[in-house]
Amino acid sequence: MDTKKGITVFTPVFNRAYCIKNAYDSLLEQSYQDFEWIIVDDGSTDNLQKLVNEWISARQIDIKYVKVPNGGKMRAQNLAVKMASKPAFFVLDSDDSLKQNALELVWNWFE
């Protein structure tokens, strides 16, 4: 893995199993594939962990998932920054999706 290039996509979540699939689907369709997706689950009580574990098992994209006791978005983001292995850091909220070339544009700007 080349840690000198690529994007860490970070998504903070709390009980967002009902809407995060759009974000996942949009990441699958990205033209730029050198990214990891870090999902920090801030104490969810829904079936988010099961859903994310299914995606991790599918191995279509590199996903790092961690569940922590509820502590707020900023604590989740600080944790994700520590976990990140890529030089660019991009926040994708759980109810958002990206156009197919979004990460390519982010990387071109970053580079």
PDB file of N, CA and C in Angstrom:
ATOM      1  N   MET A   1       0.845  -1.187   0.000  1.00  0.00           N
ATOM      2  CA  MET A   1       0.000   0.000   0.000  1.00  0.00           C
ATOM      3  C   MET A   1       0.884   1.242   0.000  1.00  0.00           C
ATOM      4  N   ASP A   2       0.606   2.139  -0.913  1.00  0.00           N
ATOM      5  CA  ASP A   2       1.351   3.394  -0.994  1.00  0.00           C
ATOM      6  C   ASP A   2       0.679   4.406  -0.076  1.00  0.00           C
ATOM      7  N   THR A   3       1.336   4.723   1.036  1.00  0.00           N
ATOM      8  CA  THR A   3       0.744   5.659   1.990  1.00  0.00           C
ATOM      9  C   THR A   3       1.031   7.112   1.619  1.00  0.00           C
ATOM     10  N   LYS A   4       1.769   7.342   0.542  1.00  0.00           N
ATOM     11  CA  LYS A   4       2.078   8.700   0.127  1.00  0.00           C
ATOM     12  C   LYS A   4       1.031   9.257  -0.837  1.00  0.00           C
ATOM     13  N   LYS A   5       0.072   8.441  -1.203  1.00  0.00           N
ATOM     14  CA  LYS A   5      -1.012   8.930  -2.048  1.00  0.00           C
ATOM     15  C   LYS A   5      -2.323   8.284  -1.628  1.00  0.00           C
ATOM     16  N   GLY A   6      -3.383   8.861  -2.069  1.00  0.00           N
ATOM     17  CA  GLY A   6      -4.697   8.316  -1.770  1.00  0.00           C
ATOM     18  C   GLY A   6      -5.482   9.166  -0.785  1.00  0.00           C
ATOM     19  N   ILE A   7      -6.716   8.754  -0.604  1.00  0.00           N
ATOM     20  CA  ILE A   7      -7.671   9.514   0.201  1.00  0.00           C
ATOM     21  C   ILE A   7      -8.254   8.630   1.291  1.00  0.00           C
ATOM     22  N   THR A   8      -8.314   9.162   2.496  1.00  0.00           N
ATOM     23  CA  THR A   8      -9.099   8.556   3.559  1.00  0.00           C
ATOM     24  C   THR A   8     -10.457   9.246   3.537  1.00  0.00           C
ATOM     25  N   VAL A   9     -11.494   8.466   3.322  1.00  0.00           N
ATOM     26  CA  VAL A   9     -12.864   8.972   3.387  1.00  0.00           C
ATOM     27  C   VAL A   9     -13.382   8.610   4.773  1.00  0.00           C
ATOM     28  N   PHE A  10     -13.846   9.596   5.506  1.00  0.00           N
ATOM     29  CA  PHE A  10     -14.315   9.398   6.874  1.00  0.00           C
ATOM     30  C   PHE A  10     -15.807   9.653   6.970  1.00  0.00           C
ATOM     31  N   THR A  11     -16.504   8.716   7.602  1.00  0.00           N
ATOM     32  CA  THR A  11     -17.936   8.875   7.847  1.00  0.00           C
ATOM     33  C   THR A  11     -18.231   8.621   9.322  1.00  0.00           C
ATOM     34  N   PRO A  12     -18.674   9.658  10.037  1.00  0.00           N
ATOM     35  CA  PRO A  12     -19.130   9.457  11.412  1.00  0.00           C
ATOM     36  C   PRO A  12     -20.591   9.001  11.384  1.00  0.00           C
ATOM     37  N   VAL A  13     -20.938   8.050  12.249  1.00  0.00           N
ATOM     38  CA  VAL A  13     -22.312   7.541  12.227  1.00  0.00           C
ATOM     39  C   VAL A  13     -22.859   7.347  13.630  1.00  0.00           C
ATOM     40  N   PHE A  14     -24.145   7.562  13.739  1.00  0.00           N
ATOM     41  CA  PHE A  14     -24.893   7.217  14.939  1.00  0.00           C
ATOM     42  C   PHE A  14     -26.298   6.852  14.488  1.00  0.00           C
ATOM     43  N   ASN A  15     -26.620   5.558  14.565  1.00  0.00           N
ATOM     44  CA  ASN A  15     -27.944   5.053  14.158  1.00  0.00           C
ATOM     45  C   ASN A  15     -28.308   5.486  12.735  1.00  0.00           C
ATOM     46  N   ARG A  16     -27.417   5.225  11.791  1.00  0.00           N
ATOM     47  CA  ARG A  16     -27.627   5.654  10.406  1.00  0.00           C
ATOM     48  C   ARG A  16     -27.739   4.483   9.427  1.00  0.00           C
ATOM     49  N   ALA A  17     -28.025   3.290   9.927  1.00  0.00           N
ATOM     50  CA  ALA A  17     -28.143   2.126   9.039  1.00  0.00           C
ATOM     51  C   ALA A  17     -29.195   2.348   7.957  1.00  0.00           C
ATOM     52  N   TYR A  18     -30.203   3.128   8.257  1.00  0.00           N
ATOM     53  CA  TYR A  18     -31.287   3.339   7.312  1.00  0.00           C
ATOM     54  C   TYR A  18     -30.883   4.195   6.106  1.00  0.00           C
ATOM     55  N   CYS A  19     -29.745   4.902   6.171  1.00  0.00           N
ATOM     56  CA  CYS A  19     -29.423   5.808   5.073  1.00  0.00           C
ATOM     57  C   CYS A  19     -28.003   5.698   4.524  1.00  0.00           C
ATOM     58  N   ILE A  20     -27.115   4.953   5.159  1.00  0.00           N
ATOM     59  CA  ILE A  20     -25.711   4.957   4.766  1.00  0.00           C
ATOM     60  C   ILE A  20     -25.437   4.181   3.470  1.00  0.00           C
ATOM     61  N   LYS A  21     -26.361   3.361   3.027  1.00  0.00           N
ATOM     62  CA  LYS A  21     -26.132   2.566   1.821  1.00  0.00           C
ATOM     63  C   LYS A  21     -25.881   3.445   0.596  1.00  0.00           C
ATOM     64  N   ASN A  22     -26.514   4.606   0.517  1.00  0.00           N
ATOM     65  CA  ASN A  22     -26.266   5.503  -0.624  1.00  0.00           C
ATOM     66  C   ASN A  22     -24.809   5.954  -0.659  1.00  0.00           C
ATOM     67  N   ALA A  23     -24.242   6.221   0.505  1.00  0.00           N
ATOM     68  CA  ALA A  23     -22.827   6.604   0.570  1.00  0.00           C
ATOM     69  C   ALA A  23     -21.960   5.437   0.098  1.00  0.00           C
ATOM     70  N   TYR A  24     -22.248   4.247   0.583  1.00  0.00           N
ATOM     71  CA  TYR A  24     -21.507   3.049   0.186  1.00  0.00           C
ATOM     72  C   TYR A  24     -21.585   2.839  -1.325  1.00  0.00           C
ATOM     73  N   ASP A  25     -22.785   2.881  -1.861  1.00  0.00           N
ATOM     74  CA  ASP A  25     -22.962   2.666  -3.299  1.00  0.00           C
ATOM     75  C   ASP A  25     -22.193   3.692  -4.119  1.00  0.00           C
ATOM     76  N   SER A  26     -22.179   4.932  -3.665  1.00  0.00           N
ATOM     77  CA  SER A  26     -21.458   5.962  -4.424  1.00  0.00           C
ATOM     78  C   SER A  26     -19.947   5.749  -4.351  1.00  0.00           C
ATOM     79  N   LEU A  27     -19.449   5.193  -3.254  1.00  0.00           N
ATOM     80  CA  LEU A  27     -18.023   4.885  -3.161  1.00  0.00           C
ATOM     81  C   LEU A  27     -17.653   3.724  -4.081  1.00  0.00           C
ATOM     82  N   LEU A  28     -18.539   2.763  -4.228  1.00  0.00           N
ATOM     83  CA  LEU A  28     -18.292   1.649  -5.139  1.00  0.00           C
ATOM     84  C   LEU A  28     -18.114   2.131  -6.576  1.00  0.00           C
ATOM     85  N   GLU A  29     -18.765   3.210  -6.935  1.00  0.00           N
ATOM     86  CA  GLU A  29     -18.772   3.699  -8.315  1.00  0.00           C
ATOM     87  C   GLU A  29     -17.695   4.737  -8.611  1.00  0.00           C
ATOM     88  N   GLN A  30     -16.805   5.007  -7.684  1.00  0.00           N
ATOM     89  CA  GLN A  30     -15.806   6.059  -7.886  1.00  0.00           C
ATOM     90  C   GLN A  30     -14.809   5.700  -8.991  1.00  0.00           C
ATOM     91  N   SER A  31     -14.494   6.682  -9.810  1.00  0.00           N
ATOM     92  CA  SER A  31     -13.479   6.491 -10.854  1.00  0.00           C
ATOM     93  C   SER A  31     -12.085   6.443 -10.239  1.00  0.00           C
ATOM     94  N   TYR A  32     -11.876   7.084  -9.106  1.00  0.00           N
ATOM     95  CA  TYR A  32     -10.607   7.064  -8.380  1.00  0.00           C
ATOM     96  C   TYR A  32     -10.733   6.028  -7.275  1.00  0.00           C
ATOM     97  N   GLN A  33      -9.897   5.002  -7.309  1.00  0.00           N
ATOM     98  CA  GLN A  33     -10.060   3.871  -6.391  1.00  0.00           C
ATOM     99  C   GLN A  33      -9.034   3.792  -5.265  1.00  0.00           C
ATOM    100  N   ASP A  34      -8.077   4.722  -5.211  1.00  0.00           N
ATOM    101  CA  ASP A  34      -7.055   4.660  -4.170  1.00  0.00           C
ATOM    102  C   ASP A  34      -7.564   5.384  -2.917  1.00  0.00           C
ATOM    103  N   PHE A  35      -8.494   4.727  -2.228  1.00  0.00           N
ATOM    104  CA  PHE A  35      -9.050   5.313  -1.009  1.00  0.00           C
ATOM    105  C   PHE A  35      -9.376   4.211  -0.017  1.00  0.00           C
ATOM    106  N   GLU A  36      -9.457   4.629   1.228  1.00  0.00           N
ATOM    107  CA  GLU A  36      -9.971   3.778   2.293  1.00  0.00           C
ATOM    108  C   GLU A  36     -11.173   4.505   2.892  1.00  0.00           C
ATOM    109  N   TRP A  37     -12.093   3.736   3.434  1.00  0.00           N
ATOM    110  CA  TRP A  37     -13.278   4.323   4.056  1.00  0.00           C
ATOM    111  C   TRP A  37     -13.239   3.966   5.536  1.00  0.00           C
ATOM    112  N   ILE A  38     -13.138   4.991   6.369  1.00  0.00           N
ATOM    113  CA  ILE A  38     -13.162   4.793   7.812  1.00  0.00           C
ATOM    114  C   ILE A  38     -14.537   5.217   8.330  1.00  0.00           C
ATOM    115  N   ILE A  39     -15.202   4.272   8.955  1.00  0.00           N
ATOM    116  CA  ILE A  39     -16.505   4.526   9.559  1.00  0.00           C
ATOM    117  C   ILE A  39     -16.334   4.444  11.066  1.00  0.00           C
ATOM    118  N   VAL A  40     -16.611   5.545  11.750  1.00  0.00           N
ATOM    119  CA  VAL A  40     -16.572   5.544  13.214  1.00  0.00           C
ATOM    120  C   VAL A  40     -18.015   5.591  13.701  1.00  0.00           C
ATOM    121  N   ASP A  41     -18.415   4.497  14.323  1.00  0.00           N
ATOM    122  CA  ASP A  41     -19.763   4.328  14.857  1.00  0.00           C
ATOM    123  C   ASP A  41     -19.767   4.852  16.290  1.00  0.00           C
ATOM    124  N   ASP A  42     -20.478   5.936  16.501  1.00  0.00           N
ATOM    125  CA  ASP A  42     -20.484   6.643  17.775  1.00  0.00           C
ATOM    126  C   ASP A  42     -21.574   6.108  18.711  1.00  0.00           C
ATOM    127  N   GLY A  43     -21.570   4.782  18.916  1.00  0.00           N
ATOM    128  CA  GLY A  43     -22.487   4.173  19.882  1.00  0.00           C
ATOM    129  C   GLY A  43     -23.855   3.825  19.336  1.00  0.00           C
ATOM    130  N   SER A  44     -23.946   3.488  18.068  1.00  0.00           N
ATOM    131  CA  SER A  44     -25.246   3.154  17.464  1.00  0.00           C
ATOM    132  C   SER A  44     -25.909   1.969  18.163  1.00  0.00           C
ATOM    133  N   THR A  45     -27.248   1.980  18.127  1.00  0.00           N
ATOM    134  CA  THR A  45     -28.026   0.874  18.674  1.00  0.00           C
ATOM    135  C   THR A  45     -28.862   0.199  17.592  1.00  0.00           C
ATOM    136  N   ASP A  46     -28.685   0.602  16.341  1.00  0.00           N
ATOM    137  CA  ASP A  46     -29.402  -0.038  15.231  1.00  0.00           C
ATOM    138  C   ASP A  46     -28.535  -1.161  14.652  1.00  0.00           C
ATOM    139  N   ASN A  47     -28.850  -1.635  13.461  1.00  0.00           N
ATOM    140  CA  ASN A  47     -28.118  -2.758  12.877  1.00  0.00           C
ATOM    141  C   ASN A  47     -26.967  -2.314  11.972  1.00  0.00           C
ATOM    142  N   LEU A  48     -26.418  -1.144  12.219  1.00  0.00           N
ATOM    143  CA  LEU A  48     -25.338  -0.604  11.403  1.00  0.00           C
ATOM    144  C   LEU A  48     -24.119  -1.526  11.369  1.00  0.00           C
ATOM    145  N   GLN A  49     -23.714  -2.040  12.507  1.00  0.00           N
ATOM    146  CA  GLN A  49     -22.514  -2.875  12.563  1.00  0.00           C
ATOM    147  C   GLN A  49     -22.664  -4.112  11.674  1.00  0.00           C
ATOM    148  N   LYS A  50     -23.809  -4.739  11.697  1.00  0.00           N
ATOM    149  CA  LYS A  50     -24.071  -5.921  10.859  1.00  0.00           C
ATOM    150  C   LYS A  50     -23.968  -5.545   9.382  1.00  0.00           C
ATOM    151  N   LEU A  51     -24.557  -4.438   9.017  1.00  0.00           N
ATOM    152  CA  LEU A  51     -24.532  -3.974   7.635  1.00  0.00           C
ATOM    153  C   LEU A  51     -23.099  -3.712   7.171  1.00  0.00           C
ATOM    154  N   VAL A  52     -22.339  -2.986   7.959  1.00  0.00           N
ATOM    155  CA  VAL A  52     -20.959  -2.660   7.598  1.00  0.00           C
ATOM    156  C   VAL A  52     -20.105  -3.924   7.536  1.00  0.00           C
ATOM    157  N   ASN A  53     -20.324  -4.849   8.448  1.00  0.00           N
ATOM    158  CA  ASN A  53     -19.566  -6.104   8.412  1.00  0.00           C
ATOM    159  C   ASN A  53     -19.832  -6.885   7.127  1.00  0.00           C
ATOM    160  N   GLU A  54     -21.043  -6.818   6.605  1.00  0.00           N
ATOM    161  CA  GLU A  54     -21.353  -7.454   5.316  1.00  0.00           C
ATOM    162  C   GLU A  54     -20.540  -6.795   4.199  1.00  0.00           C
ATOM    163  N   TRP A  55     -20.435  -5.476   4.227  1.00  0.00           N
ATOM    164  CA  TRP A  55     -19.650  -4.771   3.201  1.00  0.00           C
ATOM    165  C   TRP A  55     -18.169  -5.111   3.327  1.00  0.00           C
ATOM    166  N   ILE A  56     -17.684  -5.190   4.545  1.00  0.00           N
ATOM    167  CA  ILE A  56     -16.276  -5.541   4.762  1.00  0.00           C
ATOM    168  C   ILE A  56     -16.011  -6.942   4.202  1.00  0.00           C
ATOM    169  N   SER A  57     -16.913  -7.868   4.453  1.00  0.00           N
ATOM    170  CA  SER A  57     -16.770  -9.236   3.952  1.00  0.00           C
ATOM    171  C   SER A  57     -16.792  -9.290   2.429  1.00  0.00           C
ATOM    172  N   ALA A  58     -17.527  -8.399   1.799  1.00  0.00           N
ATOM    173  CA  ALA A  58     -17.611  -8.368   0.332  1.00  0.00           C
ATOM    174  C   ALA A  58     -16.290  -7.919  -0.295  1.00  0.00           C
ATOM    175  N   ARG A  59     -15.468  -7.183   0.445  1.00  0.00           N
ATOM    176  CA  ARG A  59     -14.132  -6.742   0.010  1.00  0.00           C
ATOM    177  C   ARG A  59     -14.135  -5.989  -1.324  1.00  0.00           C
ATOM    178  N   GLN A  60     -15.157  -5.208  -1.552  1.00  0.00           N
ATOM    179  CA  GLN A  60     -15.188  -4.403  -2.774  1.00  0.00           C
ATOM    180  C   GLN A  60     -14.420  -3.099  -2.611  1.00  0.00           C
ATOM    181  N   ILE A  61     -14.395  -2.581  -1.398  1.00  0.00           N
ATOM    182  CA  ILE A  61     -13.587  -1.413  -1.073  1.00  0.00           C
ATOM    183  C   ILE A  61     -12.956  -1.637   0.301  1.00  0.00           C
ATOM    184  N   ASP A  62     -11.894  -0.893   0.569  1.00  0.00           N
ATOM    185  CA  ASP A  62     -11.179  -1.005   1.841  1.00  0.00           C
ATOM    186  C   ASP A  62     -11.946  -0.227   2.915  1.00  0.00           C
ATOM    187  N   ILE A  63     -12.510  -0.954   3.868  1.00  0.00           N
ATOM    188  CA  ILE A  63     -13.313  -0.335   4.928  1.00  0.00           C
ATOM    189  C   ILE A  63     -12.687  -0.652   6.276  1.00  0.00           C
ATOM    190  N   LYS A  64     -12.512   0.396   7.079  1.00  0.00           N
ATOM    191  CA  LYS A  64     -12.120   0.243   8.474  1.00  0.00           C
ATOM    192  C   LYS A  64     -13.301   0.730   9.311  1.00  0.00           C
ATOM    193  N   TYR A  65     -13.764  -0.129  10.202  1.00  0.00           N
ATOM    194  CA  TYR A  65     -14.922   0.191  11.029  1.00  0.00           C
ATOM    195  C   TYR A  65     -14.540   0.068  12.493  1.00  0.00           C
ATOM    196  N   VAL A  66     -14.932   1.051  13.260  1.00  0.00           N
ATOM    197  CA  VAL A  66     -14.712   0.988  14.703  1.00  0.00           C
ATOM    198  C   VAL A  66     -15.961   1.534  15.399  1.00  0.00           C
ATOM    199  N   LYS A  67     -16.364   0.838  16.462  1.00  0.00           N
ATOM    200  CA  LYS A  67     -17.506   1.282  17.259  1.00  0.00           C
ATOM    201  C   LYS A  67     -16.984   1.735  18.607  1.00  0.00           C
ATOM    202  N   VAL A  68     -17.371   2.942  18.997  1.00  0.00           N
ATOM    203  CA  VAL A  68     -16.938   3.529  20.255  1.00  0.00           C
ATOM    204  C   VAL A  68     -18.164   3.988  21.044  1.00  0.00           C
ATOM    205  N   PRO A  69     -18.021   4.144  22.365  1.00  0.00           N
ATOM    206  CA  PRO A  69     -19.125   4.716  23.139  1.00  0.00           C
ATOM    207  C   PRO A  69     -19.421   6.135  22.644  1.00  0.00           C
ATOM    208  N   ASN A  70     -20.669   6.513  22.724  1.00  0.00           N
ATOM    209  CA  ASN A  70     -21.096   7.821  22.238  1.00  0.00           C
ATOM    210  C   ASN A  70     -20.262   8.931  22.853  1.00  0.00           C
ATOM    211  N   GLY A  71     -19.674   9.755  21.972  1.00  0.00           N
ATOM    212  CA  GLY A  71     -18.816  10.831  22.449  1.00  0.00           C
ATOM    213  C   GLY A  71     -18.827  12.047  21.550  1.00  0.00           C
ATOM    214  N   GLY A  72     -19.589  11.989  20.473  1.00  0.00           N
ATOM    215  CA  GLY A  72     -19.710  13.146  19.602  1.00  0.00           C
ATOM    216  C   GLY A  72     -18.858  13.065  18.347  1.00  0.00           C
ATOM    217  N   LYS A  73     -19.242  13.878  17.373  1.00  0.00           N
ATOM    218  CA  LYS A  73     -18.616  13.861  16.054  1.00  0.00           C
ATOM    219  C   LYS A  73     -17.135  14.243  16.103  1.00  0.00           C
ATOM    220  N   MET A  74     -16.766  15.227  16.887  1.00  0.00           N
ATOM    221  CA  MET A  74     -15.371  15.666  16.903  1.00  0.00           C
ATOM    222  C   MET A  74     -14.451  14.578  17.454  1.00  0.00           C
ATOM    223  N   ARG A  75     -14.890  13.867  18.469  1.00  0.00           N
ATOM    224  CA  ARG A  75     -14.075  12.767  18.990  1.00  0.00           C
ATOM    225  C   ARG A  75     -13.938  11.668  17.942  1.00  0.00           C
ATOM    226  N   ALA A  76     -15.026  11.396  17.238  1.00  0.00           N
ATOM    227  CA  ALA A  76     -14.995  10.396  16.164  1.00  0.00           C
ATOM    228  C   ALA A  76     -14.028  10.824  15.063  1.00  0.00           C
ATOM    229  N   GLN A  77     -14.061  12.092  14.712  1.00  0.00           N
ATOM    230  CA  GLN A  77     -13.167  12.590  13.664  1.00  0.00           C
ATOM    231  C   GLN A  77     -11.710  12.518  14.107  1.00  0.00           C
ATOM    232  N   ASN A  78     -11.425  12.879  15.340  1.00  0.00           N
ATOM    233  CA  ASN A  78     -10.053  12.791  15.850  1.00  0.00           C
ATOM    234  C   ASN A  78      -9.542  11.352  15.793  1.00  0.00           C
ATOM    235  N   LEU A  79     -10.394  10.397  16.118  1.00  0.00           N
ATOM    236  CA  LEU A  79     -10.021   8.991  16.043  1.00  0.00           C
ATOM    237  C   LEU A  79      -9.740   8.590  14.595  1.00  0.00           C
ATOM    238  N   ALA A  80     -10.589   9.019  13.689  1.00  0.00           N
ATOM    239  CA  ALA A  80     -10.402   8.681  12.270  1.00  0.00           C
ATOM    240  C   ALA A  80      -9.102   9.250  11.725  1.00  0.00           C
ATOM    241  N   VAL A  81      -8.745  10.449  12.125  1.00  0.00           N
ATOM    242  CA  VAL A  81      -7.483  11.044  11.686  1.00  0.00           C
ATOM    243  C   VAL A  81      -6.317  10.169  12.150  1.00  0.00           C
ATOM    244  N   LYS A  82      -6.383   9.664  13.366  1.00  0.00           N
ATOM    245  CA  LYS A  82      -5.327   8.785  13.877  1.00  0.00           C
ATOM    246  C   LYS A  82      -5.273   7.459  13.117  1.00  0.00           C
ATOM    247  N   MET A  83      -6.417   6.976  12.663  1.00  0.00           N
ATOM    248  CA  MET A  83      -6.492   5.702  11.947  1.00  0.00           C
ATOM    249  C   MET A  83      -6.108   5.825  10.476  1.00  0.00           C
ATOM    250  N   ALA A  84      -6.178   7.021   9.944  1.00  0.00           N
ATOM    251  CA  ALA A  84      -5.992   7.235   8.505  1.00  0.00           C
ATOM    252  C   ALA A  84      -4.600   6.827   8.039  1.00  0.00           C
ATOM    253  N   SER A  85      -4.552   6.164   6.881  1.00  0.00           N
ATOM    254  CA  SER A  85      -3.270   5.780   6.296  1.00  0.00           C
ATOM    255  C   SER A  85      -2.991   6.521   4.991  1.00  0.00           C
ATOM    256  N   LYS A  86      -3.888   7.364   4.585  1.00  0.00           N
ATOM    257  CA  LYS A  86      -3.742   8.115   3.332  1.00  0.00           C
ATOM    258  C   LYS A  86      -3.504   9.591   3.664  1.00  0.00           C
ATOM    259  N   PRO A  87      -2.808  10.323   2.791  1.00  0.00           N
ATOM    260  CA  PRO A  87      -2.483  11.719   3.104  1.00  0.00           C
ATOM    261  C   PRO A  87      -3.655  12.700   2.986  1.00  0.00           C
ATOM    262  N   ALA A  88      -4.608  12.418   2.117  1.00  0.00           N
ATOM    263  CA  ALA A  88      -5.769  13.307   1.981  1.00  0.00           C
ATOM    264  C   ALA A  88      -6.895  12.775   2.863  1.00  0.00           C
ATOM    265  N   PHE A  89      -7.650  13.687   3.469  1.00  0.00           N
ATOM    266  CA  PHE A  89      -8.727  13.317   4.397  1.00  0.00           C
ATOM    267  C   PHE A  89      -9.994  14.016   3.939  1.00  0.00           C
ATOM    268  N   PHE A  90     -11.043  13.244   3.711  1.00  0.00           N
ATOM    269  CA  PHE A  90     -12.290  13.757   3.153  1.00  0.00           C
ATOM    270  C   PHE A  90     -13.450  13.239   3.986  1.00  0.00           C
ATOM    271  N   VAL A  91     -14.349  14.127   4.384  1.00  0.00           N
ATOM    272  CA  VAL A  91     -15.513  13.739   5.188  1.00  0.00           C
ATOM    273  C   VAL A  91     -16.713  13.516   4.278  1.00  0.00           C
ATOM    274  N   LEU A  92     -17.316  12.353   4.419  1.00  0.00           N
ATOM    275  CA  LEU A  92     -18.544  11.998   3.697  1.00  0.00           C
ATOM    276  C   LEU A  92     -19.585  11.656   4.752  1.00  0.00           C
ATOM    277  N   ASP A  93     -20.586  12.505   4.890  1.00  0.00           N
ATOM    278  CA  ASP A  93     -21.623  12.232   5.886  1.00  0.00           C
ATOM    279  C   ASP A  93     -22.444  11.016   5.473  1.00  0.00           C
ATOM    280  N   SER A  94     -23.034  10.367   6.447  1.00  0.00           N
ATOM    281  CA  SER A  94     -23.725   9.098   6.226  1.00  0.00           C
ATOM    282  C   SER A  94     -24.955   9.226   5.332  1.00  0.00           C
ATOM    283  N   ASP A  95     -25.511  10.409   5.219  1.00  0.00           N
ATOM    284  CA  ASP A  95     -26.694  10.586   4.371  1.00  0.00           C
ATOM    285  C   ASP A  95     -26.353  11.245   3.040  1.00  0.00           C
ATOM    286  N   ASP A  96     -25.071  11.281   2.697  1.00  0.00           N
ATOM    287  CA  ASP A  96     -24.625  11.873   1.435  1.00  0.00           C
ATOM    288  C   ASP A  96     -24.201  10.794   0.456  1.00  0.00           C
ATOM    289  N   SER A  97     -24.043  11.201  -0.786  1.00  0.00           N
ATOM    290  CA  SER A  97     -23.461  10.339  -1.809  1.00  0.00           C
ATOM    291  C   SER A  97     -22.600  11.219  -2.701  1.00  0.00           C
ATOM    292  N   LEU A  98     -21.711  10.582  -3.440  1.00  0.00           N
ATOM    293  CA  LEU A  98     -20.764  11.310  -4.282  1.00  0.00           C
ATOM    294  C   LEU A  98     -21.012  11.020  -5.749  1.00  0.00           C
ATOM    295  N   LYS A  99     -20.754  12.017  -6.584  1.00  0.00           N
ATOM    296  CA  LYS A  99     -20.757  11.777  -8.028  1.00  0.00           C
ATOM    297  C   LYS A  99     -19.576  10.870  -8.346  1.00  0.00           C
ATOM    298  N   GLN A 100     -19.650  10.191  -9.469  1.00  0.00           N
ATOM    299  CA  GLN A 100     -18.680   9.157  -9.828  1.00  0.00           C
ATOM    300  C   GLN A 100     -17.232   9.651  -9.863  1.00  0.00           C
ATOM    301  N   ASN A 101     -17.014  10.909 -10.178  1.00  0.00           N
ATOM    302  CA  ASN A 101     -15.642  11.430 -10.278  1.00  0.00           C
ATOM    303  C   ASN A 101     -15.232  12.296  -9.082  1.00  0.00           C
ATOM    304  N   ALA A 102     -16.002  12.278  -8.019  1.00  0.00           N
ATOM    305  CA  ALA A 102     -15.756  13.173  -6.884  1.00  0.00           C
ATOM    306  C   ALA A 102     -14.380  12.959  -6.257  1.00  0.00           C
ATOM    307  N   LEU A 103     -14.026  11.727  -5.961  1.00  0.00           N
ATOM    308  CA  LEU A 103     -12.731  11.483  -5.318  1.00  0.00           C
ATOM    309  C   LEU A 103     -11.576  11.755  -6.274  1.00  0.00           C
ATOM    310  N   GLU A 104     -11.791  11.546  -7.547  1.00  0.00           N
ATOM    311  CA  GLU A 104     -10.772  11.899  -8.546  1.00  0.00           C
ATOM    312  C   GLU A 104     -10.506  13.401  -8.513  1.00  0.00           C
ATOM    313  N   LEU A 105     -11.552  14.196  -8.435  1.00  0.00           N
ATOM    314  CA  LEU A 105     -11.408  15.648  -8.356  1.00  0.00           C
ATOM    315  C   LEU A 105     -10.720  16.065  -7.045  1.00  0.00           C
ATOM    316  N   VAL A 106     -11.090  15.413  -5.946  1.00  0.00           N
ATOM    317  CA  VAL A 106     -10.472  15.713  -4.653  1.00  0.00           C
ATOM    318  C   VAL A 106      -8.969  15.409  -4.726  1.00  0.00           C
ATOM    319  N   TRP A 107      -8.620  14.251  -5.285  1.00  0.00           N
ATOM    320  CA  TRP A 107      -7.204  13.896  -5.351  1.00  0.00           C
ATOM    321  C   TRP A 107      -6.431  14.847  -6.256  1.00  0.00           C
ATOM    322  N   ASN A 108      -7.000  15.201  -7.393  1.00  0.00           N
ATOM    323  CA  ASN A 108      -6.335  16.133  -8.314  1.00  0.00           C
ATOM    324  C   ASN A 108      -6.097  17.478  -7.635  1.00  0.00           C
ATOM    325  N   TRP A 109      -7.055  17.942  -6.870  1.00  0.00           N
ATOM    326  CA  TRP A 109      -6.890  19.198  -6.141  1.00  0.00           C
ATOM    327  C   TRP A 109      -5.814  19.044  -5.069  1.00  0.00           C
ATOM    328  N   PHE A 110      -5.864  17.933  -4.325  1.00  0.00           N
ATOM    329  CA  PHE A 110      -4.915  17.703  -3.238  1.00  0.00           C
ATOM    330  C   PHE A 110      -3.482  17.608  -3.755  1.00  0.00           C
ATOM    331  N   GLU A 111      -3.338  16.896  -4.849  1.00  0.00           N
ATOM    332  CA  GLU A 111      -2.008  16.652  -5.394  1.00  0.00           C
ATOM    333  C   GLU A 111      -1.384  17.935  -5.905  1.00  0.00           C
TER     334      GLU A 111
END
